[in-house]
Amino acid sequence: PGGDGRSFDVESLEDVLSLRYVLETGAAELAAKR
């Protein structure tokens, strides 16, 4: 990754994955509850 000239770092990936997990599991729960 990054060999194509685009920046990449593992911390950015993990940050996005963590935020996604919180938002989308919460969204699934709220949608089912509604």
ModelCIF file with pLDDT and N, C-alpha, C, O atoms, coordinates in Angstrom:
data_MODEL
#
_entry.id   MODEL 
#
_entity.id                         1 
_entity.type                       polymer 
_entity.pdbx_number_of_molecules   1 
#
_entity_poly.entity_id                      1 
_entity_poly.type                           'polypeptide(L)' 
_entity_poly.nstd_linkage                   no 
_entity_poly.nstd_monomer                   no 
_entity_poly.pdbx_seq_one_letter_code       PGGDGRSFDVESLEDVLSLRYVLETGAAELAAKR 
_entity_poly.pdbx_seq_one_letter_code_can   PGGDGRSFDVESLEDVLSLRYVLETGAAELAAKR 
_entity_poly.pdbx_strand_id                 A 
#
loop_
_entity_poly_seq.entity_id 
_entity_poly_seq.num 
_entity_poly_seq.mon_id 
_entity_poly_seq.hetero 
1 1  PRO n 
1 2  GLY n 
1 3  GLY n 
1 4  ASP n 
1 5  GLY n 
1 6  ARG n 
1 7  SER n 
1 8  PHE n 
1 9  ASP n 
1 10 VAL n 
1 11 GLU n 
1 12 SER n 
1 13 LEU n 
1 14 GLU n 
1 15 ASP n 
1 16 VAL n 
1 17 LEU n 
1 18 SER n 
1 19 LEU n 
1 20 ARG n 
1 21 TYR n 
1 22 VAL n 
1 23 LEU n 
1 24 GLU n 
1 25 THR n 
1 26 GLY n 
1 27 ALA n 
1 28 ALA n 
1 29 GLU n 
1 30 LEU n 
1 31 ALA n 
1 32 ALA n 
1 33 LYS n 
1 34 ARG n 
#
_struct_asym.id          A 
_struct_asym.entity_id   1 
#
loop_
_ma_qa_metric.id 
_ma_qa_metric.mode 
_ma_qa_metric.name 
_ma_qa_metric.software_group_id 
_ma_qa_metric.type 
1 global pLDDT . pLDDT 
2 local  pLDDT . pLDDT 
#
_ma_qa_metric_global.metric_id      1 
_ma_qa_metric_global.metric_value   84.82 
_ma_qa_metric_global.model_id       1 
_ma_qa_metric_global.ordinal_id     1 
#
loop_
_ma_qa_metric_local.label_asym_id 
_ma_qa_metric_local.label_comp_id 
_ma_qa_metric_local.label_seq_id 
_ma_qa_metric_local.metric_id 
_ma_qa_metric_local.metric_value 
_ma_qa_metric_local.model_id 
_ma_qa_metric_local.ordinal_id 
A PRO 1  2 58.00 1 1  
A GLY 2  2 50.00 1 2  
A GLY 3  2 47.00 1 3  
A ASP 4  2 50.00 1 4  
A GLY 5  2 44.00 1 5  
A ARG 6  2 53.00 1 6  
A SER 7  2 52.00 1 7  
A PHE 8  2 62.00 1 8  
A ASP 9  2 75.00 1 9  
A VAL 10 2 81.00 1 10 
A GLU 11 2 87.00 1 11 
A SER 12 2 91.00 1 12 
A LEU 13 2 94.00 1 13 
A GLU 14 2 95.00 1 14 
A ASP 15 2 96.00 1 15 
A VAL 16 2 96.00 1 16 
A LEU 17 2 97.00 1 17 
A SER 18 2 97.00 1 18 
A LEU 19 2 97.00 1 19 
A ARG 20 2 98.00 1 20 
A TYR 21 2 98.00 1 21 
A VAL 22 2 98.00 1 22 
A LEU 23 2 98.00 1 23 
A GLU 24 2 98.00 1 24 
A THR 25 2 98.00 1 25 
A GLY 26 2 98.00 1 26 
A ALA 27 2 98.00 1 27 
A ALA 28 2 98.00 1 28 
A GLU 29 2 98.00 1 29 
A LEU 30 2 98.00 1 30 
A ALA 31 2 97.00 1 31 
A ALA 32 2 97.00 1 32 
A LYS 33 2 97.00 1 33 
A ARG 34 2 93.00 1 34 
#
loop_
_atom_site.group_PDB 
_atom_site.id 
_atom_site.type_symbol 
_atom_site.label_atom_id 
_atom_site.label_alt_id 
_atom_site.label_comp_id 
_atom_site.label_asym_id 
_atom_site.label_entity_id 
_atom_site.label_seq_id 
_atom_site.pdbx_PDB_ins_code 
_atom_site.Cartn_x 
_atom_site.Cartn_y 
_atom_site.Cartn_z 
_atom_site.occupancy 
_atom_site.B_iso_or_equiv 
_atom_site.pdbx_formal_charge 
_atom_site.auth_seq_id 
_atom_site.auth_comp_id 
_atom_site.auth_asym_id 
_atom_site.auth_atom_id 
_atom_site.pdbx_PDB_model_num 
ATOM 1   N N  . PRO A 1 1  ? 0.824   -1.208 0.000  1.00 58.00 ? 1  PRO A N  1 
ATOM 2   C CA . PRO A 1 1  ? 0.000   0.000  0.000  1.00 58.00 ? 1  PRO A CA 1 
ATOM 3   C C  . PRO A 1 1  ? 0.860   1.260  0.000  1.00 58.00 ? 1  PRO A C  1 
ATOM 4   O O  . PRO A 1 1  ? 1.846   1.352  0.731  1.00 58.00 ? 1  PRO A O  1 
ATOM 5   N N  . GLY A 1 2  ? 0.478   2.218  -0.819 1.00 50.00 ? 2  GLY A N  1 
ATOM 6   C CA . GLY A 1 2  ? 1.257   3.449  -0.913 1.00 50.00 ? 2  GLY A CA 1 
ATOM 7   C C  . GLY A 1 2  ? 2.262   3.405  -2.046 1.00 50.00 ? 2  GLY A C  1 
ATOM 8   O O  . GLY A 1 2  ? 2.859   4.421  -2.402 1.00 50.00 ? 2  GLY A O  1 
ATOM 9   N N  . GLY A 1 3  ? 2.447   2.209  -2.615 1.00 47.00 ? 3  GLY A N  1 
ATOM 10  C CA . GLY A 1 3  ? 3.380   2.088  -3.722 1.00 47.00 ? 3  GLY A CA 1 
ATOM 11  C C  . GLY A 1 3  ? 2.879   2.772  -4.979 1.00 47.00 ? 3  GLY A C  1 
ATOM 12  O O  . GLY A 1 3  ? 3.637   2.980  -5.927 1.00 47.00 ? 3  GLY A O  1 
ATOM 13  N N  . ASP A 1 4  ? 1.599   3.122  -4.987 1.00 50.00 ? 4  ASP A N  1 
ATOM 14  C CA . ASP A 1 4  ? 1.021   3.803  -6.146 1.00 50.00 ? 4  ASP A CA 1 
ATOM 15  C C  . ASP A 1 4  ? 1.082   5.310  -5.996 1.00 50.00 ? 4  ASP A C  1 
ATOM 16  O O  . ASP A 1 4  ? 0.527   6.042  -6.817 1.00 50.00 ? 4  ASP A O  1 
ATOM 17  N N  . GLY A 1 5  ? 1.755   5.781  -4.948 1.00 44.00 ? 5  GLY A N  1 
ATOM 18  C CA . GLY A 1 5  ? 1.907   7.213  -4.746 1.00 44.00 ? 5  GLY A CA 1 
ATOM 19  C C  . GLY A 1 5  ? 0.887   7.822  -3.817 1.00 44.00 ? 5  GLY A C  1 
ATOM 20  O O  . GLY A 1 5  ? 1.022   8.981  -3.426 1.00 44.00 ? 5  GLY A O  1 
ATOM 21  N N  . ARG A 1 6  ? -0.151  7.054  -3.447 1.00 53.00 ? 6  ARG A N  1 
ATOM 22  C CA . ARG A 1 6  ? -1.168  7.572  -2.530 1.00 53.00 ? 6  ARG A CA 1 
ATOM 23  C C  . ARG A 1 6  ? -0.754  7.273  -1.094 1.00 53.00 ? 6  ARG A C  1 
ATOM 24  O O  . ARG A 1 6  ? -0.238  6.195  -0.799 1.00 53.00 ? 6  ARG A O  1 
ATOM 25  N N  . SER A 1 7  ? -0.981  8.221  -0.219 1.00 52.00 ? 7  SER A N  1 
ATOM 26  C CA . SER A 1 7  ? -0.564  8.055  1.171  1.00 52.00 ? 7  SER A CA 1 
ATOM 27  C C  . SER A 1 7  ? -1.412  6.995  1.858  1.00 52.00 ? 7  SER A C  1 
ATOM 28  O O  . SER A 1 7  ? -2.590  6.823  1.542  1.00 52.00 ? 7  SER A O  1 
ATOM 29  N N  . PHE A 1 8  ? -0.806  6.295  2.791  1.00 62.00 ? 8  PHE A N  1 
ATOM 30  C CA . PHE A 1 8  ? -1.502  5.266  3.553  1.00 62.00 ? 8  PHE A CA 1 
ATOM 31  C C  . PHE A 1 8  ? -0.776  5.060  4.868  1.00 62.00 ? 8  PHE A C  1 
ATOM 32  O O  . PHE A 1 8  ? 0.454   5.055  4.917  1.00 62.00 ? 8  PHE A O  1 
ATOM 33  N N  . ASP A 1 9  ? -1.549  4.891  5.936  1.00 75.00 ? 9  ASP A N  1 
ATOM 34  C CA . ASP A 1 9  ? -0.945  4.478  7.190  1.00 75.00 ? 9  ASP A CA 1 
ATOM 35  C C  . ASP A 1 9  ? -1.966  3.660  7.960  1.00 75.00 ? 9  ASP A C  1 
ATOM 36  O O  . ASP A 1 9  ? -3.174  3.868  7.851  1.00 75.00 ? 9  ASP A O  1 
ATOM 37  N N  . VAL A 1 10 ? -1.442  2.716  8.746  1.00 81.00 ? 10 VAL A N  1 
ATOM 38  C CA . VAL A 1 10 ? -2.287  1.775  9.466  1.00 81.00 ? 10 VAL A CA 1 
ATOM 39  C C  . VAL A 1 10 ? -3.166  2.491  10.483 1.00 81.00 ? 10 VAL A C  1 
ATOM 40  O O  . VAL A 1 10 ? -4.315  2.101  10.686 1.00 81.00 ? 10 VAL A O  1 
ATOM 41  N N  . GLU A 1 11 ? -2.642  3.532  11.123 1.00 87.00 ? 11 GLU A N  1 
ATOM 42  C CA . GLU A 1 11 ? -3.426  4.254  12.123 1.00 87.00 ? 11 GLU A CA 1 
ATOM 43  C C  . GLU A 1 11 ? -4.685  4.866  11.513 1.00 87.00 ? 11 GLU A C  1 
ATOM 44  O O  . GLU A 1 11 ? -5.743  4.863  12.143 1.00 87.00 ? 11 GLU A O  1 
ATOM 45  N N  . SER A 1 12 ? -4.581  5.385  10.306 1.00 91.00 ? 12 SER A N  1 
ATOM 46  C CA . SER A 1 12 ? -5.754  5.956  9.638  1.00 91.00 ? 12 SER A CA 1 
ATOM 47  C C  . SER A 1 12 ? -6.797  4.884  9.369  1.00 91.00 ? 12 SER A C  1 
ATOM 48  O O  . SER A 1 12 ? -7.994  5.115  9.539  1.00 91.00 ? 12 SER A O  1 
ATOM 49  N N  . LEU A 1 13 ? -6.342  3.717  8.951  1.00 94.00 ? 13 LEU A N  1 
ATOM 50  C CA . LEU A 1 13 ? -7.254  2.610  8.701  1.00 94.00 ? 13 LEU A CA 1 
ATOM 51  C C  . LEU A 1 13 ? -7.982  2.221  9.978  1.00 94.00 ? 13 LEU A C  1 
ATOM 52  O O  . LEU A 1 13 ? -9.207  2.093  9.983  1.00 94.00 ? 13 LEU A O  1 
ATOM 53  N N  . GLU A 1 14 ? -7.239  2.032  11.054 1.00 95.00 ? 14 GLU A N  1 
ATOM 54  C CA . GLU A 1 14 ? -7.856  1.603  12.307 1.00 95.00 ? 14 GLU A CA 1 
ATOM 55  C C  . GLU A 1 14 ? -8.804  2.659  12.856 1.00 95.00 ? 14 GLU A C  1 
ATOM 56  O O  . GLU A 1 14 ? -9.831  2.329  13.448 1.00 95.00 ? 14 GLU A O  1 
ATOM 57  N N  . ASP A 1 15 ? -8.465  3.916  12.662 1.00 96.00 ? 15 ASP A N  1 
ATOM 58  C CA . ASP A 1 15 ? -9.347  5.006  13.113 1.00 96.00 ? 15 ASP A CA 1 
ATOM 59  C C  . ASP A 1 15 ? -10.681 4.943  12.386 1.00 96.00 ? 15 ASP A C  1 
ATOM 60  O O  . ASP A 1 15 ? -11.739 5.055  13.005 1.00 96.00 ? 15 ASP A O  1 
ATOM 61  N N  . VAL A 1 16 ? -10.629 4.764  11.078 1.00 96.00 ? 16 VAL A N  1 
ATOM 62  C CA . VAL A 1 16 ? -11.857 4.693  10.284 1.00 96.00 ? 16 VAL A CA 1 
ATOM 63  C C  . VAL A 1 16 ? -12.672 3.457  10.647 1.00 96.00 ? 16 VAL A C  1 
ATOM 64  O O  . VAL A 1 16 ? -13.896 3.529  10.759 1.00 96.00 ? 16 VAL A O  1 
ATOM 65  N N  . LEU A 1 17 ? -11.997 2.325  10.830 1.00 97.00 ? 17 LEU A N  1 
ATOM 66  C CA . LEU A 1 17 ? -12.708 1.095  11.164 1.00 97.00 ? 17 LEU A CA 1 
ATOM 67  C C  . LEU A 1 17 ? -13.390 1.201  12.526 1.00 97.00 ? 17 LEU A C  1 
ATOM 68  O O  . LEU A 1 17 ? -14.504 0.709  12.704 1.00 97.00 ? 17 LEU A O  1 
ATOM 69  N N  . SER A 1 18 ? -12.734 1.831  13.473 1.00 97.00 ? 18 SER A N  1 
ATOM 70  C CA . SER A 1 18 ? -13.328 1.998  14.803 1.00 97.00 ? 18 SER A CA 1 
ATOM 71  C C  . SER A 1 18 ? -14.568 2.880  14.741 1.00 97.00 ? 18 SER A C  1 
ATOM 72  O O  . SER A 1 18 ? -15.600 2.553  15.327 1.00 97.00 ? 18 SER A O  1 
ATOM 73  N N  . LEU A 1 19 ? -14.461 3.996  14.031 1.00 97.00 ? 19 LEU A N  1 
ATOM 74  C CA . LEU A 1 19 ? -15.605 4.903  13.906 1.00 97.00 ? 19 LEU A CA 1 
ATOM 75  C C  . LEU A 1 19 ? -16.753 4.209  13.176 1.00 97.00 ? 19 LEU A C  1 
ATOM 76  O O  . LEU A 1 19 ? -17.912 4.339  13.569 1.00 97.00 ? 19 LEU A O  1 
ATOM 77  N N  . ARG A 1 20 ? -16.434 3.485  12.131 1.00 98.00 ? 20 ARG A N  1 
ATOM 78  C CA . ARG A 1 20 ? -17.469 2.781  11.382 1.00 98.00 ? 20 ARG A CA 1 
ATOM 79  C C  . ARG A 1 20 ? -18.199 1.772  12.264 1.00 98.00 ? 20 ARG A C  1 
ATOM 80  O O  . ARG A 1 20 ? -19.424 1.663  12.213 1.00 98.00 ? 20 ARG A O  1 
ATOM 81  N N  . TYR A 1 21 ? -17.442 1.042  13.066 1.00 98.00 ? 21 TYR A N  1 
ATOM 82  C CA . TYR A 1 21 ? -18.045 0.026  13.920 1.00 98.00 ? 21 TYR A CA 1 
ATOM 83  C C  . TYR A 1 21 ? -19.061 0.655  14.876 1.00 98.00 ? 21 TYR A C  1 
ATOM 84  O O  . TYR A 1 21 ? -20.181 0.166  15.020 1.00 98.00 ? 21 TYR A O  1 
ATOM 85  N N  . VAL A 1 22 ? -18.658 1.726  15.512 1.00 98.00 ? 22 VAL A N  1 
ATOM 86  C CA . VAL A 1 22 ? -19.548 2.385  16.474 1.00 98.00 ? 22 VAL A CA 1 
ATOM 87  C C  . VAL A 1 22 ? -20.792 2.924  15.778 1.00 98.00 ? 22 VAL A C  1 
ATOM 88  O O  . VAL A 1 22 ? -21.907 2.714  16.254 1.00 98.00 ? 22 VAL A O  1 
ATOM 89  N N  . LEU A 1 23 ? -20.610 3.616  14.658 1.00 98.00 ? 23 LEU A N  1 
ATOM 90  C CA . LEU A 1 23 ? -21.742 4.240  13.976 1.00 98.00 ? 23 LEU A CA 1 
ATOM 91  C C  . LEU A 1 23 ? -22.706 3.217  13.381 1.00 98.00 ? 23 LEU A C  1 
ATOM 92  O O  . LEU A 1 23 ? -23.920 3.340  13.541 1.00 98.00 ? 23 LEU A O  1 
ATOM 93  N N  . GLU A 1 24 ? -22.167 2.209  12.694 1.00 98.00 ? 24 GLU A N  1 
ATOM 94  C CA . GLU A 1 24 ? -23.052 1.320  11.948 1.00 98.00 ? 24 GLU A CA 1 
ATOM 95  C C  . GLU A 1 24 ? -23.697 0.241  12.814 1.00 98.00 ? 24 GLU A C  1 
ATOM 96  O O  . GLU A 1 24 ? -24.821 -0.173 12.529 1.00 98.00 ? 24 GLU A O  1 
ATOM 97  N N  . THR A 1 25 ? -23.024 -0.221 13.854 1.00 98.00 ? 25 THR A N  1 
ATOM 98  C CA . THR A 1 25 ? -23.715 -1.140 14.765 1.00 98.00 ? 25 THR A CA 1 
ATOM 99  C C  . THR A 1 25 ? -24.824 -0.394 15.510 1.00 98.00 ? 25 THR A C  1 
ATOM 100 O O  . THR A 1 25 ? -25.902 -0.937 15.753 1.00 98.00 ? 25 THR A O  1 
ATOM 101 N N  . GLY A 1 26 ? -24.539 0.850  15.865 1.00 98.00 ? 26 GLY A N  1 
ATOM 102 C CA . GLY A 1 26 ? -25.569 1.668  16.506 1.00 98.00 ? 26 GLY A CA 1 
ATOM 103 C C  . GLY A 1 26 ? -26.735 1.934  15.579 1.00 98.00 ? 26 GLY A C  1 
ATOM 104 O O  . GLY A 1 26 ? -27.888 1.918  16.008 1.00 98.00 ? 26 GLY A O  1 
ATOM 105 N N  . ALA A 1 27 ? -26.445 2.179  14.311 1.00 98.00 ? 27 ALA A N  1 
ATOM 106 C CA . ALA A 1 27 ? -27.509 2.422  13.335 1.00 98.00 ? 27 ALA A CA 1 
ATOM 107 C C  . ALA A 1 27 ? -28.391 1.189  13.164 1.00 98.00 ? 27 ALA A C  1 
ATOM 108 O O  . ALA A 1 27 ? -29.614 1.307  13.086 1.00 98.00 ? 27 ALA A O  1 
ATOM 109 N N  . ALA A 1 28 ? -27.782 0.014  13.107 1.00 98.00 ? 28 ALA A N  1 
ATOM 110 C CA . ALA A 1 28 ? -28.550 -1.225 12.959 1.00 98.00 ? 28 ALA A CA 1 
ATOM 111 C C  . ALA A 1 28 ? -29.475 -1.422 14.162 1.00 98.00 ? 28 ALA A C  1 
ATOM 112 O O  . ALA A 1 28 ? -30.633 -1.813 14.012 1.00 98.00 ? 28 ALA A O  1 
ATOM 113 N N  . GLU A 1 29 ? -28.952 -1.148 15.344 1.00 98.00 ? 29 GLU A N  1 
ATOM 114 C CA . GLU A 1 29 ? -29.744 -1.298 16.568 1.00 98.00 ? 29 GLU A CA 1 
ATOM 115 C C  . GLU A 1 29 ? -30.925 -0.331 16.579 1.00 98.00 ? 29 GLU A C  1 
ATOM 116 O O  . GLU A 1 29 ? -32.053 -0.726 16.876 1.00 98.00 ? 29 GLU A O  1 
ATOM 117 N N  . LEU A 1 30 ? -30.668 0.931  16.257 1.00 98.00 ? 30 LEU A N  1 
ATOM 118 C CA . LEU A 1 30 ? -31.734 1.934  16.271 1.00 98.00 ? 30 LEU A CA 1 
ATOM 119 C C  . LEU A 1 30 ? -32.788 1.660  15.197 1.00 98.00 ? 30 LEU A C  1 
ATOM 120 O O  . LEU A 1 30 ? -33.981 1.859  15.426 1.00 98.00 ? 30 LEU A O  1 
ATOM 121 N N  . ALA A 1 31 ? -32.341 1.204  14.027 1.00 97.00 ? 31 ALA A N  1 
ATOM 122 C CA . ALA A 1 31 ? -33.285 0.904  12.954 1.00 97.00 ? 31 ALA A CA 1 
ATOM 123 C C  . ALA A 1 31 ? -34.226 -0.228 13.368 1.00 97.00 ? 31 ALA A C  1 
ATOM 124 O O  . ALA A 1 31 ? -35.425 -0.181 13.093 1.00 97.00 ? 31 ALA A O  1 
ATOM 125 N N  . ALA A 1 32 ? -33.674 -1.237 14.025 1.00 97.00 ? 32 ALA A N  1 
ATOM 126 C CA . ALA A 1 32 ? -34.503 -2.359 14.475 1.00 97.00 ? 32 ALA A CA 1 
ATOM 127 C C  . ALA A 1 32 ? -35.459 -1.928 15.582 1.00 97.00 ? 32 ALA A C  1 
ATOM 128 O O  . ALA A 1 32 ? -36.581 -2.426 15.667 1.00 97.00 ? 32 ALA A O  1 
ATOM 129 N N  . LYS A 1 33 ? -35.022 -1.021 16.410 1.00 97.00 ? 33 LYS A N  1 
ATOM 130 C CA . LYS A 1 33 ? -35.828 -0.572 17.550 1.00 97.00 ? 33 LYS A CA 1 
ATOM 131 C C  . LYS A 1 33 ? -36.976 0.326  17.101 1.00 97.00 ? 33 LYS A C  1 
ATOM 132 O O  . LYS A 1 33 ? -38.004 0.405  17.773 1.00 97.00 ? 33 LYS A O  1 
ATOM 133 N N  . ARG A 1 34 ? -36.806 0.994  15.981 1.00 93.00 ? 34 ARG A N  1 
ATOM 134 C CA . ARG A 1 34 ? -37.721 2.077  15.616 1.00 93.00 ? 34 ARG A CA 1 
ATOM 135 C C  . ARG A 1 34 ? -39.107 1.593  15.174 1.00 93.00 ? 34 ARG A C  1 
ATOM 136 O O  . ARG A 1 34 ? -39.968 2.408  14.841 1.00 93.00 ? 34 ARG A O  1 
#
